[in-house]
N, C-alpha and C. Protein backbone atom coordinates (compact mmCIF):
# COMPACT_ATOMS: atom_id res chain seq x y z
N UNK A 1 110.89 139.28 106.86
CA UNK A 1 110.65 138.89 108.24
C UNK A 1 109.85 137.55 108.28
N UNK A 2 108.84 137.43 107.41
CA UNK A 2 108.05 136.22 107.40
C UNK A 2 108.94 134.95 107.12
N UNK A 3 109.80 135.09 106.06
CA UNK A 3 110.70 133.93 105.74
C UNK A 3 111.59 133.63 106.87
N UNK A 4 112.12 134.58 107.62
CA UNK A 4 112.99 134.36 108.69
C UNK A 4 112.29 133.62 109.81
N UNK A 5 111.13 134.02 110.09
CA UNK A 5 110.28 133.43 111.19
C UNK A 5 109.96 132.03 110.77
N UNK A 6 109.60 131.71 109.48
CA UNK A 6 109.34 130.38 109.07
C UNK A 6 110.53 129.54 109.18
N UNK A 7 111.69 130.07 108.77
CA UNK A 7 112.91 129.29 108.79
C UNK A 7 113.29 128.98 110.23
N UNK A 8 113.10 129.86 111.12
CA UNK A 8 113.20 129.72 112.50
C UNK A 8 112.42 128.55 113.13
N UNK A 9 111.15 128.67 112.81
CA UNK A 9 110.23 127.58 113.21
C UNK A 9 110.66 126.30 112.71
N UNK A 10 110.98 126.17 111.43
CA UNK A 10 111.36 124.86 110.83
C UNK A 10 112.61 124.40 111.49
N UNK A 11 113.55 125.29 111.75
CA UNK A 11 114.77 124.89 112.53
C UNK A 11 114.49 124.34 113.82
N UNK A 12 113.66 125.01 114.59
CA UNK A 12 113.32 124.48 115.90
C UNK A 12 112.64 123.12 115.91
N UNK A 13 111.76 123.01 114.90
CA UNK A 13 111.09 121.65 114.83
C UNK A 13 112.04 120.65 114.45
N UNK A 14 112.97 121.02 113.60
CA UNK A 14 114.02 119.95 113.11
C UNK A 14 114.94 119.63 114.38
N UNK A 15 115.26 120.54 115.14
CA UNK A 15 116.10 120.22 116.41
C UNK A 15 115.35 119.29 117.19
N UNK A 16 113.99 119.46 117.38
CA UNK A 16 113.13 118.58 118.17
C UNK A 16 113.13 117.18 117.52
N UNK A 17 112.97 117.09 116.18
CA UNK A 17 112.95 115.83 115.60
C UNK A 17 114.30 115.05 115.67
N UNK A 18 115.45 115.87 115.60
CA UNK A 18 116.76 115.22 115.84
C UNK A 18 116.93 114.68 117.23
N UNK A 19 116.46 115.38 118.21
CA UNK A 19 116.50 114.89 119.55
C UNK A 19 115.68 113.67 119.75
N UNK A 20 114.56 113.59 119.19
CA UNK A 20 113.66 112.52 119.33
C UNK A 20 113.90 111.33 118.48
N UNK A 21 114.37 111.50 117.24
CA UNK A 21 114.40 110.51 116.25
C UNK A 21 115.75 109.98 115.78
N UNK A 22 116.76 110.85 115.96
CA UNK A 22 118.14 110.60 115.47
C UNK A 22 118.97 109.81 116.49
N UNK A 23 119.84 108.91 115.95
CA UNK A 23 120.87 108.34 116.76
C UNK A 23 122.14 109.13 116.58
N UNK A 24 122.78 109.43 117.73
CA UNK A 24 123.93 110.27 117.72
C UNK A 24 125.25 109.41 117.59
N UNK A 25 126.26 110.05 117.03
CA UNK A 25 127.57 109.48 116.98
C UNK A 25 127.64 108.35 116.02
N UNK A 26 126.90 108.29 115.00
CA UNK A 26 127.05 107.36 113.92
C UNK A 26 128.20 107.74 113.08
N UNK A 27 129.08 106.74 112.62
CA UNK A 27 130.24 107.10 111.89
C UNK A 27 129.85 107.57 110.50
N UNK A 28 130.66 108.42 109.91
CA UNK A 28 130.47 108.87 108.55
C UNK A 28 130.87 107.83 107.53
N UNK A 29 130.25 107.93 106.40
CA UNK A 29 130.48 106.91 105.34
C UNK A 29 131.76 107.30 104.63
N UNK A 30 132.62 106.40 104.46
CA UNK A 30 133.94 106.67 103.70
C UNK A 30 133.65 106.53 102.18
N UNK A 31 134.19 107.41 101.41
CA UNK A 31 134.08 107.37 100.04
C UNK A 31 135.07 106.42 99.46
N UNK A 32 134.64 105.69 98.52
CA UNK A 32 135.54 104.70 97.83
C UNK A 32 136.46 105.38 96.81
N UNK A 33 135.79 106.28 96.12
CA UNK A 33 136.55 106.99 95.00
C UNK A 33 136.35 108.49 95.12
N UNK A 34 137.37 109.21 94.77
CA UNK A 34 137.35 110.63 94.80
C UNK A 34 136.80 111.17 93.49
N UNK A 35 135.47 111.20 93.31
CA UNK A 35 134.88 111.77 92.19
C UNK A 35 133.61 112.47 92.60
N UNK A 36 133.22 113.39 91.73
CA UNK A 36 131.97 114.08 91.92
C UNK A 36 130.69 113.37 91.26
N UNK A 37 131.02 112.44 90.48
CA UNK A 37 129.98 111.77 89.76
C UNK A 37 129.73 110.30 90.40
N UNK A 38 128.39 110.18 90.43
CA UNK A 38 127.93 108.89 90.90
C UNK A 38 126.65 108.42 90.29
N UNK A 39 126.56 107.15 89.77
CA UNK A 39 125.40 106.70 89.07
C UNK A 39 124.47 106.07 90.11
N UNK A 40 123.19 106.37 90.09
CA UNK A 40 122.19 105.72 91.06
C UNK A 40 121.47 104.78 90.11
N UNK A 41 121.50 103.47 90.64
CA UNK A 41 120.73 102.46 89.87
C UNK A 41 119.66 101.98 90.64
N UNK A 42 118.48 102.03 90.06
CA UNK A 42 117.29 101.57 90.68
C UNK A 42 116.74 100.32 89.97
N UNK A 43 115.61 100.06 89.84
CA UNK A 43 115.10 98.94 89.10
C UNK A 43 113.76 99.37 88.48
N UNK A 44 113.30 98.57 87.57
CA UNK A 44 112.02 98.98 86.88
C UNK A 44 112.36 98.91 85.36
N UNK A 45 111.26 99.37 84.64
CA UNK A 45 111.33 99.20 83.17
C UNK A 45 112.39 100.08 82.51
N UNK A 46 112.75 101.26 83.05
CA UNK A 46 113.57 102.12 82.46
C UNK A 46 115.09 101.81 82.64
N UNK A 47 115.37 100.77 83.43
CA UNK A 47 116.70 100.37 83.86
C UNK A 47 117.49 99.96 82.57
N UNK A 48 116.93 99.08 81.82
CA UNK A 48 117.72 98.50 80.63
C UNK A 48 117.91 99.58 79.60
N UNK A 49 117.07 100.42 79.38
CA UNK A 49 117.34 101.60 78.50
C UNK A 49 118.44 102.43 78.99
N UNK A 50 118.39 102.86 80.27
CA UNK A 50 119.43 103.63 80.86
C UNK A 50 120.79 103.02 80.77
N UNK A 51 120.83 101.76 81.11
CA UNK A 51 122.09 100.98 81.04
C UNK A 51 122.67 100.95 79.62
N UNK A 52 121.84 100.72 78.66
CA UNK A 52 122.36 100.64 77.35
C UNK A 52 122.78 102.05 76.72
N UNK A 53 122.14 103.10 77.23
CA UNK A 53 122.51 104.43 76.66
C UNK A 53 123.78 104.89 77.41
N UNK A 54 124.05 104.44 78.55
CA UNK A 54 125.26 105.02 79.34
C UNK A 54 126.12 103.94 79.79
N UNK A 55 126.29 102.95 79.08
CA UNK A 55 127.21 101.82 79.38
C UNK A 55 128.64 102.26 79.75
N UNK A 56 129.18 103.05 78.83
CA UNK A 56 130.62 103.47 79.02
C UNK A 56 130.75 104.27 80.22
N UNK A 57 129.94 105.27 80.41
CA UNK A 57 129.97 106.08 81.65
C UNK A 57 129.88 105.37 82.89
N UNK A 58 128.92 104.53 82.91
CA UNK A 58 128.55 103.77 84.07
C UNK A 58 129.78 102.90 84.53
N UNK A 59 130.50 102.32 83.61
CA UNK A 59 131.60 101.52 83.93
C UNK A 59 132.74 102.35 84.51
N UNK A 60 132.81 103.64 84.24
CA UNK A 60 133.93 104.44 84.68
C UNK A 60 133.75 105.16 86.05
N UNK A 61 132.48 105.08 86.63
CA UNK A 61 132.21 105.77 87.86
C UNK A 61 131.61 104.88 88.94
N UNK A 62 131.75 105.33 90.14
CA UNK A 62 131.13 104.52 91.24
C UNK A 62 129.64 104.58 91.07
N UNK A 63 128.97 103.47 91.58
CA UNK A 63 127.50 103.36 91.45
C UNK A 63 126.91 103.12 92.85
N UNK A 64 125.74 103.56 92.96
CA UNK A 64 124.95 103.49 94.11
C UNK A 64 123.59 102.71 93.68
N UNK A 65 123.37 101.65 94.35
CA UNK A 65 122.17 100.80 94.06
C UNK A 65 121.13 101.11 95.16
N UNK A 66 119.86 100.97 94.66
CA UNK A 66 118.80 101.22 95.67
C UNK A 66 117.72 100.23 95.48
N UNK A 67 116.88 100.11 96.54
CA UNK A 67 115.71 99.20 96.49
C UNK A 67 116.01 97.79 96.15
N UNK A 68 115.44 97.38 95.09
CA UNK A 68 115.44 95.94 94.73
C UNK A 68 116.52 95.70 93.69
N UNK A 69 117.55 96.55 93.45
CA UNK A 69 118.47 96.51 92.40
C UNK A 69 119.24 95.07 92.46
N UNK A 70 119.43 94.52 93.58
CA UNK A 70 120.21 93.32 93.74
C UNK A 70 119.49 92.04 93.10
N UNK A 71 118.27 92.28 92.84
CA UNK A 71 117.42 91.23 92.16
C UNK A 71 117.60 91.22 90.69
N UNK A 72 118.25 92.19 90.15
CA UNK A 72 118.48 92.17 88.74
C UNK A 72 119.79 91.50 88.33
N UNK A 73 119.90 91.09 87.08
CA UNK A 73 121.08 90.33 86.63
C UNK A 73 122.24 91.34 86.60
N UNK A 74 121.96 92.62 86.45
CA UNK A 74 123.06 93.60 86.31
C UNK A 74 123.75 93.85 87.69
N UNK A 75 123.17 93.42 88.80
CA UNK A 75 123.79 93.68 90.08
C UNK A 75 125.23 93.10 90.09
N UNK A 76 125.36 91.90 89.81
CA UNK A 76 126.74 91.29 89.88
C UNK A 76 127.66 91.72 88.78
N UNK A 77 127.09 92.22 87.71
CA UNK A 77 127.92 92.72 86.54
C UNK A 77 128.47 94.11 86.84
N UNK A 78 127.65 95.02 87.41
CA UNK A 78 128.04 96.40 87.71
C UNK A 78 128.67 96.60 89.01
N UNK A 79 128.49 95.70 90.00
CA UNK A 79 129.16 95.72 91.24
C UNK A 79 129.11 97.08 91.87
N UNK A 80 128.06 97.60 92.32
CA UNK A 80 127.97 99.01 92.93
C UNK A 80 128.81 99.04 94.12
N UNK A 81 129.45 100.23 94.26
CA UNK A 81 130.28 100.52 95.42
C UNK A 81 129.39 100.75 96.65
N UNK A 82 128.21 101.25 96.44
CA UNK A 82 127.27 101.68 97.53
C UNK A 82 125.91 101.02 97.27
N UNK A 83 125.21 100.74 98.43
CA UNK A 83 123.86 100.26 98.30
C UNK A 83 123.06 100.88 99.35
N UNK A 84 121.95 101.41 99.08
CA UNK A 84 121.10 102.18 100.02
C UNK A 84 119.73 101.60 100.18
N UNK A 85 119.47 101.15 101.38
CA UNK A 85 118.03 100.77 101.69
C UNK A 85 117.62 101.74 102.78
N UNK A 86 116.81 102.71 102.43
CA UNK A 86 116.50 103.68 103.41
C UNK A 86 115.02 103.50 104.03
N UNK A 87 114.33 102.62 103.41
CA UNK A 87 113.00 102.24 103.95
C UNK A 87 113.04 101.63 105.29
N UNK A 88 112.52 102.29 106.37
CA UNK A 88 112.47 101.54 107.69
C UNK A 88 111.65 100.42 107.78
N UNK A 89 110.61 100.30 106.74
CA UNK A 89 109.72 99.12 106.66
C UNK A 89 110.37 97.75 106.49
N UNK A 90 111.63 97.82 106.03
CA UNK A 90 112.44 96.57 105.88
C UNK A 90 112.66 95.95 107.25
N UNK A 91 112.64 96.69 108.27
CA UNK A 91 113.08 96.30 109.60
C UNK A 91 111.98 96.43 110.67
N UNK A 92 110.68 96.52 110.25
CA UNK A 92 109.57 96.56 111.12
C UNK A 92 108.69 95.30 110.91
N UNK A 93 107.83 95.04 111.91
CA UNK A 93 106.90 93.92 111.73
C UNK A 93 106.04 94.28 110.67
N UNK A 94 105.73 93.32 109.71
CA UNK A 94 105.12 93.61 108.46
C UNK A 94 103.60 93.42 108.69
N UNK A 95 102.87 94.30 107.95
CA UNK A 95 101.37 94.26 108.09
C UNK A 95 100.82 93.51 106.81
N UNK A 96 101.50 93.58 105.71
CA UNK A 96 100.89 92.93 104.52
C UNK A 96 101.66 91.63 104.26
N UNK A 97 100.87 90.55 104.15
CA UNK A 97 101.38 89.23 103.95
C UNK A 97 102.37 89.10 102.75
N UNK A 98 103.50 88.51 102.95
CA UNK A 98 104.44 88.31 101.93
C UNK A 98 105.57 89.46 101.75
N UNK A 99 105.22 90.66 102.28
CA UNK A 99 106.21 91.71 102.09
C UNK A 99 107.53 91.38 102.94
N UNK A 100 107.29 90.98 104.20
CA UNK A 100 108.53 90.75 105.00
C UNK A 100 109.44 89.65 104.38
N UNK A 101 108.90 88.62 103.77
CA UNK A 101 109.65 87.62 103.19
C UNK A 101 110.25 88.10 101.94
N UNK A 102 109.57 88.95 101.20
CA UNK A 102 110.10 89.49 100.00
C UNK A 102 111.37 90.50 100.24
N UNK A 103 111.22 91.23 101.27
CA UNK A 103 112.30 92.09 101.73
C UNK A 103 113.46 91.32 102.24
N UNK A 104 113.15 90.32 103.00
CA UNK A 104 114.28 89.46 103.50
C UNK A 104 115.01 88.75 102.35
N UNK A 105 114.30 88.35 101.35
CA UNK A 105 114.94 87.71 100.20
C UNK A 105 115.90 88.69 99.54
N UNK A 106 115.63 89.95 99.49
CA UNK A 106 116.52 91.03 98.92
C UNK A 106 117.76 91.07 99.75
N UNK A 107 117.57 91.17 101.04
CA UNK A 107 118.81 91.18 101.90
C UNK A 107 119.64 89.96 101.71
N UNK A 108 119.07 88.81 101.65
CA UNK A 108 119.76 87.57 101.46
C UNK A 108 120.54 87.58 100.11
N UNK A 109 119.90 88.03 99.07
CA UNK A 109 120.60 88.15 97.73
C UNK A 109 121.78 89.08 97.86
N UNK A 110 121.61 90.21 98.45
CA UNK A 110 122.74 91.18 98.71
C UNK A 110 123.94 90.45 99.31
N UNK A 111 123.65 89.68 100.41
CA UNK A 111 124.57 88.98 101.19
C UNK A 111 125.27 87.97 100.42
N UNK A 112 124.48 87.17 99.73
CA UNK A 112 125.10 85.97 99.02
C UNK A 112 125.88 86.37 97.83
N UNK A 113 125.39 87.40 96.98
CA UNK A 113 125.95 87.67 95.74
C UNK A 113 127.06 88.70 95.80
N UNK A 114 127.20 89.37 96.85
CA UNK A 114 128.29 90.48 96.88
C UNK A 114 129.63 89.95 97.30
N UNK A 115 130.51 89.89 96.29
CA UNK A 115 131.81 89.43 96.52
C UNK A 115 132.90 90.44 96.12
N UNK A 116 132.54 91.70 96.30
CA UNK A 116 133.46 92.82 96.15
C UNK A 116 133.18 93.88 97.21
N UNK A 117 134.03 94.75 97.46
CA UNK A 117 133.95 95.66 98.54
C UNK A 117 132.73 96.64 98.27
N UNK A 118 131.77 96.71 99.16
CA UNK A 118 130.57 97.59 99.05
C UNK A 118 130.20 98.15 100.32
N UNK A 119 129.73 99.38 100.38
CA UNK A 119 129.16 99.94 101.55
C UNK A 119 127.65 99.91 101.56
N UNK A 120 127.13 99.26 102.53
CA UNK A 120 125.67 99.02 102.63
C UNK A 120 125.20 100.14 103.69
N UNK A 121 124.29 101.06 103.26
CA UNK A 121 123.75 102.06 104.11
C UNK A 121 122.27 101.66 104.50
N UNK A 122 122.04 101.60 105.71
CA UNK A 122 120.73 101.28 106.29
C UNK A 122 120.21 102.34 107.22
N UNK A 123 118.93 102.46 107.41
CA UNK A 123 118.41 103.43 108.43
C UNK A 123 118.91 103.10 109.82
N UNK A 124 119.12 104.03 110.73
CA UNK A 124 119.64 103.84 112.01
C UNK A 124 118.78 102.88 112.79
N UNK A 125 117.44 102.80 112.41
CA UNK A 125 116.52 101.93 113.16
C UNK A 125 116.89 100.45 112.89
N UNK A 126 117.67 100.18 111.88
CA UNK A 126 118.01 98.77 111.61
C UNK A 126 119.20 98.31 112.42
N UNK A 127 119.88 99.18 113.07
CA UNK A 127 121.00 98.78 113.88
C UNK A 127 120.63 97.76 114.97
N UNK A 128 121.26 96.57 114.95
CA UNK A 128 120.92 95.53 115.87
C UNK A 128 119.85 94.70 115.51
N UNK A 129 119.17 94.94 114.35
CA UNK A 129 118.06 94.16 113.88
C UNK A 129 118.52 92.76 113.55
N UNK A 130 117.68 91.71 113.80
CA UNK A 130 118.16 90.36 113.55
C UNK A 130 118.48 90.04 112.14
N UNK A 131 117.82 90.58 111.14
CA UNK A 131 118.11 90.38 109.78
C UNK A 131 119.47 91.05 109.38
N UNK A 132 119.82 92.16 109.86
CA UNK A 132 121.10 92.84 109.64
C UNK A 132 122.18 92.02 110.23
N UNK A 133 121.93 91.53 111.44
CA UNK A 133 123.00 90.74 112.14
C UNK A 133 123.12 89.31 111.33
N UNK A 134 122.01 88.83 110.85
CA UNK A 134 122.03 87.50 110.22
C UNK A 134 122.81 87.60 108.89
N UNK A 135 122.54 88.64 108.10
CA UNK A 135 123.13 88.64 106.77
C UNK A 135 124.45 89.55 106.64
N UNK A 136 124.67 90.46 107.49
CA UNK A 136 125.74 91.34 107.23
C UNK A 136 126.75 91.57 108.39
N UNK A 137 126.51 90.99 109.62
CA UNK A 137 127.27 91.40 110.74
C UNK A 137 128.77 91.02 110.52
N UNK A 138 129.15 89.85 109.97
CA UNK A 138 130.45 89.45 109.76
C UNK A 138 130.71 89.26 108.30
N UNK A 139 130.13 90.01 107.36
CA UNK A 139 130.32 89.81 105.95
C UNK A 139 131.74 90.30 105.58
N UNK A 140 132.34 89.51 104.72
CA UNK A 140 133.77 89.71 104.31
C UNK A 140 133.84 91.07 103.33
N UNK A 141 132.83 91.28 102.64
CA UNK A 141 132.89 92.38 101.65
C UNK A 141 132.08 93.56 101.83
N UNK A 142 131.06 93.41 102.71
CA UNK A 142 130.13 94.54 102.93
C UNK A 142 130.46 95.27 104.25
N UNK A 143 130.58 96.60 104.07
CA UNK A 143 130.79 97.47 105.23
C UNK A 143 129.44 98.14 105.55
N UNK A 144 129.03 97.98 106.85
CA UNK A 144 127.70 98.54 107.15
C UNK A 144 127.80 99.97 107.74
N UNK A 145 126.94 100.79 107.29
CA UNK A 145 126.89 102.19 107.84
C UNK A 145 125.42 102.44 108.08
N UNK A 146 125.05 103.04 109.25
CA UNK A 146 123.70 103.40 109.55
C UNK A 146 123.59 104.94 109.47
N UNK A 147 122.47 105.35 108.83
CA UNK A 147 122.26 106.71 108.65
C UNK A 147 120.89 107.11 109.17
N UNK A 148 120.87 108.40 109.72
CA UNK A 148 119.63 108.89 110.23
C UNK A 148 118.80 109.36 109.00
N UNK A 149 117.53 109.03 108.95
CA UNK A 149 116.58 109.62 108.02
C UNK A 149 115.65 110.52 108.47
N UNK A 150 116.10 111.27 109.57
CA UNK A 150 115.26 112.28 110.19
C UNK A 150 115.16 113.49 109.21
N UNK A 151 113.97 113.95 108.93
CA UNK A 151 113.79 115.15 108.01
C UNK A 151 114.39 116.39 108.69
N UNK A 152 115.18 117.03 107.92
CA UNK A 152 115.82 118.31 108.39
C UNK A 152 115.34 119.51 107.59
N UNK A 153 114.82 120.52 108.22
CA UNK A 153 114.32 121.79 107.64
C UNK A 153 114.89 122.91 108.31
N UNK A 154 114.78 124.05 107.78
CA UNK A 154 115.15 125.32 108.51
C UNK A 154 116.23 126.08 107.77
N UNK A 155 117.00 126.81 108.55
CA UNK A 155 118.12 127.57 107.92
C UNK A 155 119.05 126.64 107.27
N UNK A 156 119.60 127.22 106.02
CA UNK A 156 120.51 126.51 105.32
C UNK A 156 121.73 126.01 106.13
N UNK A 157 122.30 126.87 106.92
CA UNK A 157 123.45 126.57 107.68
C UNK A 157 123.24 125.39 108.76
N UNK A 158 122.02 125.44 109.27
CA UNK A 158 121.65 124.34 110.21
C UNK A 158 121.46 123.04 109.47
N UNK A 159 120.74 123.04 108.31
CA UNK A 159 120.63 121.90 107.54
C UNK A 159 121.92 121.23 107.13
N UNK A 160 122.87 122.05 106.54
CA UNK A 160 124.16 121.52 106.17
C UNK A 160 125.00 120.93 107.39
N UNK A 161 124.97 121.65 108.55
CA UNK A 161 125.63 121.17 109.72
C UNK A 161 124.98 119.87 110.17
N UNK A 162 123.64 119.77 110.17
CA UNK A 162 122.98 118.52 110.56
C UNK A 162 123.35 117.34 109.67
N UNK A 163 123.38 117.55 108.30
CA UNK A 163 123.81 116.51 107.40
C UNK A 163 125.24 116.15 107.53
N UNK A 164 126.13 117.08 107.77
CA UNK A 164 127.54 116.72 107.92
C UNK A 164 127.76 115.95 109.13
N UNK A 165 126.93 116.14 110.20
CA UNK A 165 127.05 115.41 111.43
C UNK A 165 126.27 114.02 111.46
N UNK A 166 125.67 113.68 110.25
CA UNK A 166 124.93 112.55 110.05
C UNK A 166 123.75 112.40 111.11
N UNK A 167 123.09 113.59 111.20
CA UNK A 167 121.89 113.65 112.13
C UNK A 167 120.58 113.57 111.41
N UNK A 168 120.58 113.75 110.14
CA UNK A 168 119.33 113.72 109.33
C UNK A 168 119.73 113.34 107.84
């Protein structure tokens, strides 16, 4: 009974978050390849080791890049099919000096270096943002998709339904 009540409360709170925070009717992301395997490419010290150990596998499957991966030399070599920037801070007024310029530089690099078909996923809060319009609105190779990053909790069936409808 306790678990049921907790799941019910979490579901109700999630419904409230969806109503207040999510954008409705966002299109679903189209898959480039029909495969169950996807390599997620970040950045940092472990990237080179990972790439050297999995070079053959990486070449055979679609890739998802995150964060500052576009700033690596591997970005144009591996040509990820998907790129995810989920942090809403990219599109808010910056508090710390230099961060806004640093993040804009990453967006600029993605725009300038991407000469292959790629899906760029951004938080729904970025829709209509001046940087998004500046770098990606009429890009020949980048398809923009906006996703809700609203936290979804509660009953499994509710969570799955919310995710399938791109509400969280």
